[in-house]
Structure formats: C-alpha cells, structure tokens
C-alpha cells in the first residue's frame, strides 16, 4: 500500500512539474493579469463558493446591493488567482538589494522600528487572507528571519517542490498541526524572527473561541493570543497590499502589548476581539482583496448536527 501511495504522490508531482513548464514561460509582469483573468473567467463555475462569498459580503455590511456584492466577489476571485501567480514570480524580481524600491511602508514609527530596526527581539505579525498574503512571507524574509505557520502537504514531493519555488529566503515553515513546540519557540526567540500567522481561518471548539468578526461570531484560533500572553512579544496586525506589478504596500496598525489580568480566559477573549477588530478594519478598507469565499462564519453546531444525522441514518 505504501508503494502505491508513493507512486501516486510521484505522479501528482510529475503533473505539477509539467504544468509549471508553461507557467515558467509567462513573463513575470504578466503573471498577475493572467491569473486574475483565468479566475474571473471561471468564476461562474464555482457556484457554491460564489454563493458563500456573496453571502459573506452582504452579511458583513460591505454593501447592501446584490449586484455590488457579486462584483466584489468576482474581483476577489480574480485577485486570488492573480496574486498567487505573481507570488511564484516574486523571487525572480525582488532581492535583498532591491526590495526597498518595491515596498512602500505605511505604518507608524513604532511599528516600523519593530519590523526593520529592533532585530534583536522576536515579533508576532498576524494577518488574514487579505492582499498578497502568499507573497508577504517571502518579502519580509528579505529583511529578517521569518517563521510561518502553515499546513504541510500530504505529498512530500510536492511539499519540497513548492517550498523550493515559493518560500525563499530565511523562512522556517511550522506545521500547524504540531503548533508551537518548545523547540520552535526556542528557535523563534534565539533568531529574533517574525512569527507570521494567518489568523482568519475557522477554528472549532477544541482550538478556538467564538468572538465577533465582521459583525458575526466566528470560531477564532486562540494560539496567537496564547503566544502573546506567554511570551510578551509585541503583536502587529497587518497586510501586504499589491499596488502594481511587484509593487506592494506594507500596512500595519499600532503594536499590541496586552497587560494580562488574573483571568486568563477573559484575557484570551479580549485579545482575540482586539485582533479581529484590527484585521476587520483592514479588510473593510480593501474588500476586493479579501478571500470572501472561505466559510469563515460556519455554524458552530453544524458538525454536531451532521454527526447526529449520520448516527440516526439520516
């Protein structure tokens, strides 16, 4: 069985490598437009994801118009395809010597110093599926060591291939299923790295708390708040926004330094609410650059209802 799985994994890897050949022929400056155009072309086919996106946009109060919500959703789909394609070309354009000319810094002085000058202390940067999130870690890794939390792929061949092509620079990828182990925390502190976490994915009751996000309760992972409370490392909520081909704007709110109380549960909830509110503010500023299609606000009881239905033979 292991041999069959290995052969299937290798076949998938070969197919991906083959698909990468025509992609490599695309000029870097055209990568975003082509990816964006393809996703917009196929937008009508993603019926369920399109429905989720439009519903999320309307319920978040971005617009009350169904027509406008559909337009925002279409542009969101296009941006997804465009920025992913461009992110795979980033390493061909940006380097430690020229990144300054490609990135505009839009934040207060304290936040800027934490990222670019105070290189002797670890830092937590939280973001969401906003802007060019796939390009943010490779860009920031040109300035200092990075640690990014991500789900490892089941296919080891594809995992190595994607990391080689995409995660360039001083980036350590942390398996989200293993979390912040003592060795990970030790490396983070010793290297004074940036810990980058995409924090807007759905969290179940075992790993998260339901707190308000965009006007509705959403299961939110507690790990960023727990990391901050246990280490005291400052937190920045930010995003990398694309402004032109391989031109980006790095934005961030004020640093968060939370003073804990005697009630850890309340501290976790308060921190998550603060994180979500700052991220929400950024999303509302760039709604067409957010990934509305993921089911962020799923019913907390949906899995229980599904298991109960299956148990009863429904």
C-alpha atoms as a PDB file:
ATOM      1  CA  UNK A   1       0.000   0.000   0.000  1.00  0.00           C
ATOM      2  CA  UNK A   2       2.847   2.377   0.843  1.00  0.00           C
ATOM      3  CA  UNK A   3       4.409   1.741  -2.564  1.00  0.00           C
ATOM      4  CA  UNK A   4       1.123   2.608  -4.325  1.00  0.00           C
ATOM      5  CA  UNK A   5       0.742   5.837  -2.313  1.00  0.00           C
ATOM      6  CA  UNK A   6       4.324   6.782  -3.092  1.00  0.00           C
ATOM      7  CA  UNK A   7       3.765   6.143  -6.824  1.00  0.00           C
ATOM      8  CA  UNK A   8       0.567   8.230  -6.789  1.00  0.00           C
ATOM      9  CA  UNK A   9       2.362  11.042  -4.973  1.00  0.00           C
ATOM     10  CA  UNK A  10       5.154  10.968  -7.519  1.00  0.00           C
ATOM     11  CA  UNK A  11       2.648  11.000 -10.403  1.00  0.00           C
ATOM     12  CA  UNK A  12       0.967  14.068  -8.896  1.00  0.00           C
ATOM     13  CA  UNK A  13       4.378  15.706  -8.551  1.00  0.00           C
ATOM     14  CA  UNK A  14       5.200  14.999 -12.223  1.00  0.00           C
ATOM     15  CA  UNK A  15       1.876  16.514 -13.334  1.00  0.00           C
ATOM     16  CA  UNK A  16       2.512  19.646 -11.285  1.00  0.00           C
ATOM     17  CA  UNK A  17       6.027  19.947 -12.679  1.00  0.00           C
ATOM     18  CA  UNK A  18       4.612  19.561 -16.195  1.00  0.00           C
ATOM     19  CA  UNK A  19       2.000  22.256 -15.523  1.00  0.00           C
ATOM     20  CA  UNK A  20       4.795  24.504 -14.290  1.00  0.00           C
ATOM     21  CA  UNK A  21       6.583  24.460 -17.646  1.00  0.00           C
ATOM     22  CA  UNK A  22       4.112  26.749 -19.483  1.00  0.00           C
ATOM     23  CA  UNK A  23       3.780  28.863 -16.330  1.00  0.00           C
ATOM     24  CA  UNK A  24       7.538  29.443 -16.336  1.00  0.00           C
ATOM     25  CA  UNK A  25       7.191  30.915 -19.840  1.00  0.00           C
ATOM     26  CA  UNK A  26       4.843  33.650 -18.598  1.00  0.00           C
ATOM     27  CA  UNK A  27       6.660  36.993 -18.207  1.00  0.00           C
ATOM     28  CA  UNK A  28       6.657  37.989 -14.520  1.00  0.00           C
ATOM     29  CA  UNK A  29       4.963  41.303 -15.278  1.00  0.00           C
ATOM     30  CA  UNK A  30       2.002  39.402 -16.843  1.00  0.00           C
ATOM     31  CA  UNK A  31       1.568  36.752 -14.153  1.00  0.00           C
ATOM     32  CA  UNK A  32      -0.997  38.659 -12.087  1.00  0.00           C
ATOM     33  CA  UNK A  33      -3.155  39.683 -15.053  1.00  0.00           C
ATOM     34  CA  UNK A  34      -3.227  36.156 -16.468  1.00  0.00           C
ATOM     35  CA  UNK A  35      -4.052  34.516 -13.132  1.00  0.00           C
ATOM     36  CA  UNK A  36      -6.697  37.134 -12.422  1.00  0.00           C
ATOM     37  CA  UNK A  37      -8.264  36.764 -15.845  1.00  0.00           C
ATOM     38  CA  UNK A  38      -8.443  32.972 -15.624  1.00  0.00           C
ATOM     39  CA  UNK A  39     -10.129  33.050 -12.202  1.00  0.00           C
ATOM     40  CA  UNK A  40     -12.655  35.649 -13.319  1.00  0.00           C
ATOM     41  CA  UNK A  41     -13.390  33.561 -16.411  1.00  0.00           C
ATOM     42  CA  UNK A  42     -14.161  30.501 -14.288  1.00  0.00           C
ATOM     43  CA  UNK A  43     -15.946  32.484 -11.569  1.00  0.00           C
ATOM     44  CA  UNK A  44     -19.469  31.426 -12.704  1.00  0.00           C
ATOM     45  CA  UNK A  45     -18.494  27.742 -12.359  1.00  0.00           C
ATOM     46  CA  UNK A  46     -17.695  27.990  -8.629  1.00  0.00           C
ATOM     47  CA  UNK A  47     -21.357  28.065  -7.685  1.00  0.00           C
ATOM     48  CA  UNK A  48     -21.100  27.130  -4.007  1.00  0.00           C
ATOM     49  CA  UNK A  49     -18.008  29.256  -3.331  1.00  0.00           C
ATOM     50  CA  UNK A  50     -19.589  32.147  -5.205  1.00  0.00           C
ATOM     51  CA  UNK A  51     -22.731  31.836  -3.073  1.00  0.00           C
ATOM     52  CA  UNK A  52     -20.681  31.791   0.129  1.00  0.00           C
ATOM     53  CA  UNK A  53     -18.662  34.827  -0.957  1.00  0.00           C
ATOM     54  CA  UNK A  54     -21.692  36.935  -1.873  1.00  0.00           C
ATOM     55  CA  UNK A  55     -23.480  35.953   1.334  1.00  0.00           C
ATOM     56  CA  UNK A  56     -20.426  36.836   3.447  1.00  0.00           C
ATOM     57  CA  UNK A  57     -20.062  40.224   1.745  1.00  0.00           C
ATOM     58  CA  UNK A  58     -23.711  41.098   2.308  1.00  0.00           C
ATOM     59  CA  UNK A  59     -23.772  39.949   5.928  1.00  0.00           C
ATOM     60  CA  UNK A  60     -20.542  41.810   6.702  1.00  0.00           C
ATOM     61  CA  UNK A  61     -22.252  45.007   5.567  1.00  0.00           C
ATOM     62  CA  UNK A  62     -19.707  45.749   2.858  1.00  0.00           C
ATOM     63  CA  UNK A  63     -22.658  46.576   0.595  1.00  0.00           C
ATOM     64  CA  UNK A  64     -26.409  46.061   0.637  1.00  0.00           C
ATOM     65  CA  UNK A  65     -26.572  45.596  -3.120  1.00  0.00           C
ATOM     66  CA  UNK A  66     -26.582  42.067  -4.509  1.00  0.00           C
ATOM     67  CA  UNK A  67     -25.118  43.364  -7.766  1.00  0.00           C
ATOM     68  CA  UNK A  68     -22.273  45.131  -5.950  1.00  0.00           C
ATOM     69  CA  UNK A  69     -21.640  42.059  -3.782  1.00  0.00           C
ATOM     70  CA  UNK A  70     -21.352  39.919  -6.928  1.00  0.00           C
ATOM     71  CA  UNK A  71     -18.866  42.406  -8.420  1.00  0.00           C
ATOM     72  CA  UNK A  72     -16.748  42.409  -5.239  1.00  0.00           C
ATOM     73  CA  UNK A  73     -16.847  38.607  -5.126  1.00  0.00           C
ATOM     74  CA  UNK A  74     -15.760  38.335  -8.775  1.00  0.00           C
ATOM     75  CA  UNK A  75     -12.858  40.726  -8.197  1.00  0.00           C
ATOM     76  CA  UNK A  76     -11.931  38.808  -5.038  1.00  0.00           C
ATOM     77  CA  UNK A  77     -11.774  35.572  -7.051  1.00  0.00           C
ATOM     78  CA  UNK A  78      -9.667  37.303  -9.678  1.00  0.00           C
ATOM     79  CA  UNK A  79      -7.269  38.702  -7.112  1.00  0.00           C
ATOM     80  CA  UNK A  80      -6.820  35.239  -5.598  1.00  0.00           C
ATOM     81  CA  UNK A  81      -5.643  33.800  -8.907  1.00  0.00           C
ATOM     82  CA  UNK A  82      -3.597  36.851  -9.789  1.00  0.00           C
ATOM     83  CA  UNK A  83      -1.659  37.254  -6.565  1.00  0.00           C
ATOM     84  CA  UNK A  84      -0.879  33.529  -6.272  1.00  0.00           C
ATOM     85  CA  UNK A  85       0.570  33.510  -9.782  1.00  0.00           C
ATOM     86  CA  UNK A  86       2.574  36.658  -9.068  1.00  0.00           C
ATOM     87  CA  UNK A  87       3.826  35.287  -5.733  1.00  0.00           C
ATOM     88  CA  UNK A  88       5.582  32.418  -7.550  1.00  0.00           C
ATOM     89  CA  UNK A  89       7.455  35.002  -9.636  1.00  0.00           C
ATOM     90  CA  UNK A  90       8.418  37.225  -6.697  1.00  0.00           C
ATOM     91  CA  UNK A  91      11.792  35.533  -6.238  1.00  0.00           C
ATOM     92  CA  UNK A  92      12.750  36.475  -9.801  1.00  0.00           C
ATOM     93  CA  UNK A  93      12.194  40.177  -9.174  1.00  0.00           C
ATOM     94  CA  UNK A  94      12.760  41.028  -5.512  1.00  0.00           C
ATOM     95  CA  UNK A  95      16.085  40.574  -3.760  1.00  0.00           C
ATOM     96  CA  UNK A  96      17.764  41.727  -0.532  1.00  0.00           C
ATOM     97  CA  UNK A  97      19.336  44.545  -2.545  1.00  0.00           C
ATOM     98  CA  UNK A  98      16.255  45.968  -4.264  1.00  0.00           C
ATOM     99  CA  UNK A  99      13.233  45.170  -2.094  1.00  0.00           C
ATOM    100  CA  UNK A 100      13.158  48.762  -0.750  1.00  0.00           C
ATOM    101  CA  UNK A 101      12.183  50.034  -4.197  1.00  0.00           C
ATOM    102  CA  UNK A 102       9.290  47.563  -4.394  1.00  0.00           C
ATOM    103  CA  UNK A 103       7.734  48.008  -0.951  1.00  0.00           C
ATOM    104  CA  UNK A 104       6.103  51.123   0.458  1.00  0.00           C
ATOM    105  CA  UNK A 105       5.863  51.241   4.266  1.00  0.00           C
ATOM    106  CA  UNK A 106       2.565  52.582   5.618  1.00  0.00           C
ATOM    107  CA  UNK A 107       2.606  52.403   9.424  1.00  0.00           C
ATOM    108  CA  UNK A 108       3.610  54.483  12.419  1.00  0.00           C
ATOM    109  CA  UNK A 109       7.213  54.831  13.506  1.00  0.00           C
ATOM    110  CA  UNK A 110       6.989  52.350  16.389  1.00  0.00           C
ATOM    111  CA  UNK A 111       5.600  49.602  14.178  1.00  0.00           C
ATOM    112  CA  UNK A 112       8.233  50.282  11.526  1.00  0.00           C
ATOM    113  CA  UNK A 113      11.017  50.069  14.095  1.00  0.00           C
ATOM    114  CA  UNK A 114       9.731  46.733  15.407  1.00  0.00           C
ATOM    115  CA  UNK A 115       9.951  45.184  11.943  1.00  0.00           C
ATOM    116  CA  UNK A 116      13.045  46.781  10.465  1.00  0.00           C
ATOM    117  CA  UNK A 117      15.240  48.063  13.284  1.00  0.00           C
ATOM    118  CA  UNK A 118      14.710  46.155  16.525  1.00  0.00           C
ATOM    119  CA  UNK A 119      16.168  42.982  15.116  1.00  0.00           C
ATOM    120  CA  UNK A 120      17.205  41.564  18.477  1.00  0.00           C
ATOM    121  CA  UNK A 121      13.701  40.697  19.679  1.00  0.00           C
ATOM    122  CA  UNK A 122      11.046  38.304  18.322  1.00  0.00           C
ATOM    123  CA  UNK A 123       7.880  39.716  16.826  1.00  0.00           C
ATOM    124  CA  UNK A 124       4.390  38.381  16.071  1.00  0.00           C
ATOM    125  CA  UNK A 125       2.675  39.528  12.880  1.00  0.00           C
ATOM    126  CA  UNK A 126      -0.934  38.486  12.374  1.00  0.00           C
ATOM    127  CA  UNK A 127      -2.699  38.785   9.059  1.00  0.00           C
ATOM    128  CA  UNK A 128      -5.568  37.229   7.143  1.00  0.00           C
ATOM    129  CA  UNK A 129      -6.387  36.128   3.621  1.00  0.00           C
ATOM    130  CA  UNK A 130      -6.078  39.758   2.612  1.00  0.00           C
ATOM    131  CA  UNK A 131      -3.952  41.404  -0.038  1.00  0.00           C
ATOM    132  CA  UNK A 132      -0.932  39.428  -1.215  1.00  0.00           C
ATOM    133  CA  UNK A 133      -0.645  37.087   1.744  1.00  0.00           C
ATOM    134  CA  UNK A 134       1.259  34.444  -0.232  1.00  0.00           C
ATOM    135  CA  UNK A 135       3.935  36.992  -1.113  1.00  0.00           C
ATOM    136  CA  UNK A 136       4.176  38.573   2.349  1.00  0.00           C
ATOM    137  CA  UNK A 137       6.466  35.979   3.954  1.00  0.00           C
ATOM    138  CA  UNK A 138       8.971  35.871   1.042  1.00  0.00           C
ATOM    139  CA  UNK A 139       9.058  39.683   1.021  1.00  0.00           C
ATOM    140  CA  UNK A 140       9.562  40.092   4.777  1.00  0.00           C
ATOM    141  CA  UNK A 141      12.132  37.281   4.831  1.00  0.00           C
ATOM    142  CA  UNK A 142      14.391  39.554   2.792  1.00  0.00           C
ATOM    143  CA  UNK A 143      14.681  41.799   5.850  1.00  0.00           C
ATOM    144  CA  UNK A 144      14.974  39.328   8.763  1.00  0.00           C
ATOM    145  CA  UNK A 145      14.314  35.652   9.662  1.00  0.00           C
ATOM    146  CA  UNK A 146      10.704  34.511   9.296  1.00  0.00           C
ATOM    147  CA  UNK A 147       8.689  31.683  10.797  1.00  0.00           C
ATOM    148  CA  UNK A 148       5.385  30.977   9.086  1.00  0.00           C
ATOM    149  CA  UNK A 149       2.637  28.688  10.353  1.00  0.00           C
ATOM    150  CA  UNK A 150       1.205  26.568   7.522  1.00  0.00           C
ATOM    151  CA  UNK A 151      -0.361  23.191   6.851  1.00  0.00           C
ATOM    152  CA  UNK A 152       2.092  20.748   5.345  1.00  0.00           C
ATOM    153  CA  UNK A 153       1.004  18.984   2.170  1.00  0.00           C
ATOM    154  CA  UNK A 154       0.328  15.274   2.260  1.00  0.00           C
ATOM    155  CA  UNK A 155       2.528  14.757  -0.796  1.00  0.00           C
ATOM    156  CA  UNK A 156       6.198  15.102   0.287  1.00  0.00           C
ATOM    157  CA  UNK A 157       7.417  15.526  -3.311  1.00  0.00           C
ATOM    158  CA  UNK A 158       5.034  18.449  -3.909  1.00  0.00           C
ATOM    159  CA  UNK A 159       5.831  19.867  -0.460  1.00  0.00           C
ATOM    160  CA  UNK A 160       9.553  20.097  -1.253  1.00  0.00           C
ATOM    161  CA  UNK A 161       8.913  21.424  -4.763  1.00  0.00           C
ATOM    162  CA  UNK A 162       6.522  24.175  -3.607  1.00  0.00           C
ATOM    163  CA  UNK A 163       8.790  25.240  -0.780  1.00  0.00           C
ATOM    164  CA  UNK A 164      11.776  25.497  -3.102  1.00  0.00           C
ATOM    165  CA  UNK A 165       9.860  27.610  -5.607  1.00  0.00           C
ATOM    166  CA  UNK A 166       7.895  29.764  -3.186  1.00  0.00           C
ATOM    167  CA  UNK A 167       9.358  30.001   0.317  1.00  0.00           C
ATOM    168  CA  UNK A 168      12.706  31.546  -0.467  1.00  0.00           C
ATOM    169  CA  UNK A 169      14.867  33.408   1.991  1.00  0.00           C
ATOM    170  CA  UNK A 170      15.221  32.834   5.721  1.00  0.00           C
ATOM    171  CA  UNK A 171      11.820  31.183   6.259  1.00  0.00           C
ATOM    172  CA  UNK A 172      11.056  28.304   8.603  1.00  0.00           C
ATOM    173  CA  UNK A 173       7.664  26.697   7.932  1.00  0.00           C
ATOM    174  CA  UNK A 174       5.934  25.416  11.059  1.00  0.00           C
ATOM    175  CA  UNK A 175       3.456  22.583  10.694  1.00  0.00           C
ATOM    176  CA  UNK A 176       0.179  23.977  12.029  1.00  0.00           C
ATOM    177  CA  UNK A 177      -0.796  20.502  13.237  1.00  0.00           C
ATOM    178  CA  UNK A 178       2.206  20.440  15.604  1.00  0.00           C
ATOM    179  CA  UNK A 179       1.980  24.018  16.820  1.00  0.00           C
ATOM    180  CA  UNK A 180       4.420  25.958  18.942  1.00  0.00           C
ATOM    181  CA  UNK A 181       6.602  23.212  20.363  1.00  0.00           C
ATOM    182  CA  UNK A 182       9.421  24.101  22.826  1.00  0.00           C
ATOM    183  CA  UNK A 183      11.994  23.721  20.050  1.00  0.00           C
ATOM    184  CA  UNK A 184      10.027  26.073  17.772  1.00  0.00           C
ATOM    185  CA  UNK A 185       9.737  28.702  20.492  1.00  0.00           C
ATOM    186  CA  UNK A 186      13.440  28.383  21.295  1.00  0.00           C
ATOM    187  CA  UNK A 187      14.387  28.894  17.653  1.00  0.00           C
ATOM    188  CA  UNK A 188      11.995  31.846  17.343  1.00  0.00           C
ATOM    189  CA  UNK A 189      13.463  33.617  20.362  1.00  0.00           C
ATOM    190  CA  UNK A 190      17.104  32.869  19.563  1.00  0.00           C
ATOM    191  CA  UNK A 191      16.798  34.038  15.958  1.00  0.00           C
ATOM    192  CA  UNK A 192      14.594  37.012  16.917  1.00  0.00           C
ATOM    193  CA  UNK A 193      12.381  36.057  13.997  1.00  0.00           C
ATOM    194  CA  UNK A 194       8.997  37.289  12.875  1.00  0.00           C
ATOM    195  CA  UNK A 195       6.275  34.746  13.664  1.00  0.00           C
ATOM    196  CA  UNK A 196       3.738  35.170  10.836  1.00  0.00           C
ATOM    197  CA  UNK A 197       0.265  33.721  11.422  1.00  0.00           C
ATOM    198  CA  UNK A 198      -2.776  33.834   9.144  1.00  0.00           C
ATOM    199  CA  UNK A 199      -5.453  34.140  11.809  1.00  0.00           C
ATOM    200  CA  UNK A 200      -8.779  34.253   9.957  1.00  0.00           C
ATOM    201  CA  UNK A 201      -9.328  30.524   9.387  1.00  0.00           C
ATOM    202  CA  UNK A 202     -12.218  28.780  11.113  1.00  0.00           C
ATOM    203  CA  UNK A 203     -11.416  27.220  14.489  1.00  0.00           C
ATOM    204  CA  UNK A 204     -13.525  24.549  16.146  1.00  0.00           C
ATOM    205  CA  UNK A 205     -14.397  24.485  19.829  1.00  0.00           C
ATOM    206  CA  UNK A 206     -11.263  22.485  20.653  1.00  0.00           C
ATOM    207  CA  UNK A 207      -8.804  25.058  19.320  1.00  0.00           C
ATOM    208  CA  UNK A 208     -10.722  28.324  19.323  1.00  0.00           C
ATOM    209  CA  UNK A 209     -13.258  30.695  20.803  1.00  0.00           C
ATOM    210  CA  UNK A 210     -16.248  32.268  19.107  1.00  0.00           C
ATOM    211  CA  UNK A 211     -15.761  36.027  19.080  1.00  0.00           C
ATOM    212  CA  UNK A 212     -17.133  38.774  16.861  1.00  0.00           C
ATOM    213  CA  UNK A 213     -15.619  39.200  13.404  1.00  0.00           C
ATOM    214  CA  UNK A 214     -17.183  41.433  10.756  1.00  0.00           C
ATOM    215  CA  UNK A 215     -20.393  41.621  12.784  1.00  0.00           C
ATOM    216  CA  UNK A 216     -20.885  37.889  13.403  1.00  0.00           C
ATOM    217  CA  UNK A 217     -19.488  35.334  15.867  1.00  0.00           C
ATOM    218  CA  UNK A 218     -16.653  33.356  14.306  1.00  0.00           C
ATOM    219  CA  UNK A 219     -14.562  30.482  15.619  1.00  0.00           C
ATOM    220  CA  UNK A 220     -11.129  32.066  16.151  1.00  0.00           C
ATOM    221  CA  UNK A 221      -7.887  30.236  16.936  1.00  0.00           C
ATOM    222  CA  UNK A 222      -6.525  31.096  20.375  1.00  0.00           C
ATOM    223  CA  UNK A 223      -2.885  30.248  19.587  1.00  0.00           C
ATOM    224  CA  UNK A 224      -1.829  33.839  18.640  1.00  0.00           C
ATOM    225  CA  UNK A 225      -3.284  35.190  21.893  1.00  0.00           C
ATOM    226  CA  UNK A 226      -1.731  32.396  23.943  1.00  0.00           C
ATOM    227  CA  UNK A 227       1.642  33.012  22.310  1.00  0.00           C
ATOM    228  CA  UNK A 228       1.484  36.712  23.141  1.00  0.00           C
ATOM    229  CA  UNK A 229       0.391  36.123  26.749  1.00  0.00           C
ATOM    230  CA  UNK A 230       3.105  33.549  27.377  1.00  0.00           C
ATOM    231  CA  UNK A 231       5.991  35.482  25.773  1.00  0.00           C
ATOM    232  CA  UNK A 232       5.040  39.150  25.879  1.00  0.00           C
ATOM    233  CA  UNK A 233       6.272  39.587  22.295  1.00  0.00           C
ATOM    234  CA  UNK A 234       4.617  42.585  20.622  1.00  0.00           C
ATOM    235  CA  UNK A 235       1.902  41.901  18.047  1.00  0.00           C
ATOM    236  CA  UNK A 236       1.259  43.717  14.774  1.00  0.00           C
ATOM    237  CA  UNK A 237      -1.888  43.229  12.695  1.00  0.00           C
ATOM    238  CA  UNK A 238      -1.035  43.948   9.089  1.00  0.00           C
ATOM    239  CA  UNK A 239      -1.149  43.036   5.431  1.00  0.00           C
ATOM    240  CA  UNK A 240       0.778  43.376   2.185  1.00  0.00           C
ATOM    241  CA  UNK A 241      -1.334  45.159  -0.435  1.00  0.00           C
ATOM    242  CA  UNK A 242      -0.408  44.980  -4.114  1.00  0.00           C
ATOM    243  CA  UNK A 243      -0.378  48.393  -5.839  1.00  0.00           C
ATOM    244  CA  UNK A 244       1.211  47.484  -9.219  1.00  0.00           C
ATOM    245  CA  UNK A 245       3.221  44.608 -10.729  1.00  0.00           C
ATOM    246  CA  UNK A 246       5.685  43.648  -7.971  1.00  0.00           C
ATOM    247  CA  UNK A 247       4.897  46.852  -6.095  1.00  0.00           C
ATOM    248  CA  UNK A 248       3.460  46.450  -2.610  1.00  0.00           C
ATOM    249  CA  UNK A 249       2.329  48.461   0.363  1.00  0.00           C
ATOM    250  CA  UNK A 250       3.074  47.057   3.821  1.00  0.00           C
ATOM    251  CA  UNK A 251       0.421  48.281   6.245  1.00  0.00           C
ATOM    252  CA  UNK A 252       0.006  47.721   9.960  1.00  0.00           C
ATOM    253  CA  UNK A 253      -1.829  49.034  12.982  1.00  0.00           C
ATOM    254  CA  UNK A 254      -0.228  50.110  16.235  1.00  0.00           C
ATOM    255  CA  UNK A 255       1.688  47.482  18.228  1.00  0.00           C
ATOM    256  CA  UNK A 256      -0.346  45.463  20.685  1.00  0.00           C
ATOM    257  CA  UNK A 257       1.136  44.919  24.135  1.00  0.00           C
ATOM    258  CA  UNK A 258      -1.560  43.463  26.342  1.00  0.00           C
ATOM    259  CA  UNK A 259      -1.294  43.586  30.125  1.00  0.00           C
ATOM    260  CA  UNK A 260      -2.769  40.296  31.421  1.00  0.00           C
ATOM    261  CA  UNK A 261      -5.181  40.105  34.323  1.00  0.00           C
ATOM    262  CA  UNK A 262      -5.811  37.274  36.740  1.00  0.00           C
ATOM    263  CA  UNK A 263      -8.453  35.793  34.436  1.00  0.00           C
ATOM    264  CA  UNK A 264      -6.743  34.005  31.533  1.00  0.00           C
ATOM    265  CA  UNK A 265      -9.997  33.080  29.792  1.00  0.00           C
ATOM    266  CA  UNK A 266     -11.098  36.707  29.738  1.00  0.00           C
ATOM    267  CA  UNK A 267      -7.641  37.756  28.557  1.00  0.00           C
ATOM    268  CA  UNK A 268      -7.812  35.332  25.638  1.00  0.00           C
ATOM    269  CA  UNK A 269     -11.247  36.563  24.625  1.00  0.00           C
ATOM    270  CA  UNK A 270     -10.277  40.233  24.917  1.00  0.00           C
ATOM    271  CA  UNK A 271      -7.139  39.711  22.846  1.00  0.00           C
ATOM    272  CA  UNK A 272      -8.950  37.798  20.120  1.00  0.00           C
ATOM    273  CA  UNK A 273     -11.590  40.526  19.924  1.00  0.00           C
ATOM    274  CA  UNK A 274      -8.833  43.117  19.590  1.00  0.00           C
ATOM    275  CA  UNK A 275      -7.038  41.086  16.904  1.00  0.00           C
ATOM    276  CA  UNK A 276     -10.243  40.567  14.949  1.00  0.00           C
ATOM    277  CA  UNK A 277     -11.292  44.221  15.148  1.00  0.00           C
ATOM    278  CA  UNK A 278      -7.964  45.455  13.735  1.00  0.00           C
ATOM    279  CA  UNK A 279      -7.998  42.879  10.955  1.00  0.00           C
ATOM    280  CA  UNK A 280     -11.620  43.761  10.169  1.00  0.00           C
ATOM    281  CA  UNK A 281     -10.650  47.416   9.763  1.00  0.00           C
ATOM    282  CA  UNK A 282      -8.064  46.468   7.142  1.00  0.00           C
ATOM    283  CA  UNK A 283     -10.497  44.196   5.286  1.00  0.00           C
ATOM    284  CA  UNK A 284     -13.125  46.919   5.082  1.00  0.00           C
ATOM    285  CA  UNK A 285     -10.508  49.190   3.511  1.00  0.00           C
ATOM    286  CA  UNK A 286      -9.692  46.623   0.795  1.00  0.00           C
ATOM    287  CA  UNK A 287     -12.801  44.412   0.378  1.00  0.00           C
ATOM    288  CA  UNK A 288     -11.935  43.285  -3.156  1.00  0.00           C
ATOM    289  CA  UNK A 289      -8.594  41.940  -1.917  1.00  0.00           C
ATOM    290  CA  UNK A 290     -10.111  39.625   0.708  1.00  0.00           C
ATOM    291  CA  UNK A 291     -10.867  35.912   0.353  1.00  0.00           C
ATOM    292  CA  UNK A 292     -14.620  36.001   0.917  1.00  0.00           C
ATOM    293  CA  UNK A 293     -15.166  32.523  -0.492  1.00  0.00           C
ATOM    294  CA  UNK A 294     -13.993  30.575   2.567  1.00  0.00           C
ATOM    295  CA  UNK A 295     -16.639  29.540   5.087  1.00  0.00           C
ATOM    296  CA  UNK A 296     -15.306  31.644   7.950  1.00  0.00           C
ATOM    297  CA  UNK A 297     -18.618  32.016   9.760  1.00  0.00           C
ATOM    298  CA  UNK A 298     -19.778  28.410   9.699  1.00  0.00           C
ATOM    299  CA  UNK A 299     -22.433  27.270  12.162  1.00  0.00           C
ATOM    300  CA  UNK A 300     -20.861  26.260  15.465  1.00  0.00           C
ATOM    301  CA  UNK A 301     -23.334  23.378  15.740  1.00  0.00           C
ATOM    302  CA  UNK A 302     -23.049  22.262  12.106  1.00  0.00           C
ATOM    303  CA  UNK A 303     -20.627  19.405  12.779  1.00  0.00           C
ATOM    304  CA  UNK A 304     -22.694  18.198  15.736  1.00  0.00           C
ATOM    305  CA  UNK A 305     -25.857  18.235  13.644  1.00  0.00           C
ATOM    306  CA  UNK A 306     -24.096  16.377  10.828  1.00  0.00           C
ATOM    307  CA  UNK A 307     -22.760  13.683  13.172  1.00  0.00           C
ATOM    308  CA  UNK A 308     -26.175  13.281  14.775  1.00  0.00           C
ATOM    309  CA  UNK A 309     -27.822  12.946  11.385  1.00  0.00           C
ATOM    310  CA  UNK A 310     -25.320  10.316  10.294  1.00  0.00           C
ATOM    311  CA  UNK A 311     -25.759   8.420  13.550  1.00  0.00           C
ATOM    312  CA  UNK A 312     -29.526   8.353  13.088  1.00  0.00           C
ATOM    313  CA  UNK A 313     -29.167   7.233   9.496  1.00  0.00           C
ATOM    314  CA  UNK A 314     -30.443  10.484   8.066  1.00  0.00           C
END
